[in-house]
Amino acid sequence: MEIIERDPGVNSVGYESLVWVEDDSGNEFSCSLDSARNGVQSIGDLTDHERSSCTNINQIERW
């Protein structure tokens, strides 16, 4: 998956708008959704616009 800058046009409203998904390689991403919707199981379920809001959690330093 290509790493891209976050799209400022995605209007997340808080924690409840986040979804955690994985790609085919097992990398975990946190993504903002414009509106609550069901059925998001993997990064492939997201639109290109939603995918632009994703952050690769594997690249964030954890304590």
C-alpha atoms as a PDB file:
ATOM      1  CA  MET A   1       0.000   0.000   0.000  1.00  0.00           C
ATOM      2  CA  GLU A   2       1.280   3.437  -0.906  1.00  0.00           C
ATOM      3  CA  ILE A   3       1.767   5.863   1.977  1.00  0.00           C
ATOM      4  CA  ILE A   4       0.068   9.196   1.282  1.00  0.00           C
ATOM      5  CA  GLU A   5      -0.548  12.376   3.231  1.00  0.00           C
ATOM      6  CA  ARG A   6      -3.792  12.607   5.211  1.00  0.00           C
ATOM      7  CA  ASP A   7      -6.631  14.242   3.295  1.00  0.00           C
ATOM      8  CA  PRO A   8      -7.812  17.356   5.198  1.00  0.00           C
ATOM      9  CA  GLY A   9     -11.176  16.973   3.457  1.00  0.00           C
ATOM     10  CA  VAL A  10     -12.043  13.958   5.626  1.00  0.00           C
ATOM     11  CA  ASN A  11     -14.122  15.375   8.452  1.00  0.00           C
ATOM     12  CA  SER A  12     -13.576  13.098  11.424  1.00  0.00           C
ATOM     13  CA  VAL A  13     -15.435  14.034  14.595  1.00  0.00           C
ATOM     14  CA  GLY A  14     -13.590  12.005  17.185  1.00  0.00           C
ATOM     15  CA  TYR A  15     -12.791   8.551  18.462  1.00  0.00           C
ATOM     16  CA  GLU A  16     -16.173   7.169  17.396  1.00  0.00           C
ATOM     17  CA  SER A  17     -15.341   7.916  13.750  1.00  0.00           C
ATOM     18  CA  LEU A  18     -12.213   5.725  13.803  1.00  0.00           C
ATOM     19  CA  VAL A  19     -11.954   2.212  12.457  1.00  0.00           C
ATOM     20  CA  TRP A  20      -8.972  -0.143  12.713  1.00  0.00           C
ATOM     21  CA  VAL A  21      -8.278  -2.283   9.662  1.00  0.00           C
ATOM     22  CA  GLU A  22      -5.479  -4.412   8.211  1.00  0.00           C
ATOM     23  CA  ASP A  23      -4.082  -4.660   4.718  1.00  0.00           C
ATOM     24  CA  ASP A  24      -3.137  -7.907   2.954  1.00  0.00           C
ATOM     25  CA  SER A  25       0.348  -7.772   4.490  1.00  0.00           C
ATOM     26  CA  GLY A  26      -0.986  -7.618   8.060  1.00  0.00           C
ATOM     27  CA  ASN A  27      -0.184  -3.934   8.653  1.00  0.00           C
ATOM     28  CA  GLU A  28      -2.700  -2.269  10.959  1.00  0.00           C
ATOM     29  CA  PHE A  29      -4.214   1.117  10.101  1.00  0.00           C
ATOM     30  CA  SER A  30      -6.363   3.613  11.976  1.00  0.00           C
ATOM     31  CA  CYS A  31      -8.736   5.398   9.591  1.00  0.00           C
ATOM     32  CA  SER A  32     -11.355   8.126   9.940  1.00  0.00           C
ATOM     33  CA  LEU A  33     -14.779   7.619   8.413  1.00  0.00           C
ATOM     34  CA  ASP A  34     -16.976  10.509   7.341  1.00  0.00           C
ATOM     35  CA  SER A  35     -20.036   8.792   8.774  1.00  0.00           C
ATOM     36  CA  ALA A  36     -20.746   5.724  10.846  1.00  0.00           C
ATOM     37  CA  ARG A  37     -21.244   2.657   8.709  1.00  0.00           C
ATOM     38  CA  ASN A  38     -21.037  -1.080   9.227  1.00  0.00           C
ATOM     39  CA  GLY A  39     -19.178  -3.764   7.338  1.00  0.00           C
ATOM     40  CA  VAL A  40     -15.655  -2.335   7.359  1.00  0.00           C
ATOM     41  CA  GLN A  41     -13.433  -5.368   7.900  1.00  0.00           C
ATOM     42  CA  SER A  42     -10.298  -4.541   5.894  1.00  0.00           C
ATOM     43  CA  ILE A  43      -8.626  -1.618   4.198  1.00  0.00           C
ATOM     44  CA  GLY A  44     -10.131  -2.831   0.923  1.00  0.00           C
ATOM     45  CA  ASP A  45     -13.618  -1.986   2.247  1.00  0.00           C
ATOM     46  CA  LEU A  46     -12.743   1.728   2.403  1.00  0.00           C
ATOM     47  CA  THR A  47     -13.241   4.261  -0.369  1.00  0.00           C
ATOM     48  CA  ASP A  48     -10.159   6.035  -1.734  1.00  0.00           C
ATOM     49  CA  HIS A  49     -11.272   9.139   0.142  1.00  0.00           C
ATOM     50  CA  GLU A  50     -11.537   7.222   3.447  1.00  0.00           C
ATOM     51  CA  ARG A  51      -8.248   5.432   2.773  1.00  0.00           C
ATOM     52  CA  SER A  52      -6.520   8.817   2.494  1.00  0.00           C
ATOM     53  CA  SER A  53      -7.260   9.379   6.200  1.00  0.00           C
ATOM     54  CA  CYS A  54      -5.440   6.218   7.332  1.00  0.00           C
ATOM     55  CA  THR A  55      -2.384   6.149   9.553  1.00  0.00           C
ATOM     56  CA  ASN A  56      -0.162   3.079   9.563  1.00  0.00           C
ATOM     57  CA  ILE A  57      -0.121   2.104  13.240  1.00  0.00           C
ATOM     58  CA  ASN A  58       3.008  -0.025  12.697  1.00  0.00           C
ATOM     59  CA  GLN A  59       4.979   3.177  12.044  1.00  0.00           C
ATOM     60  CA  ILE A  60       3.966   4.834  15.323  1.00  0.00           C
ATOM     61  CA  GLU A  61       6.323   4.355  18.228  1.00  0.00           C
ATOM     62  CA  ARG A  62       4.603   2.501  21.048  1.00  0.00           C
ATOM     63  CA  TRP A  63       5.750   2.600  24.654  1.00  0.00           C
END
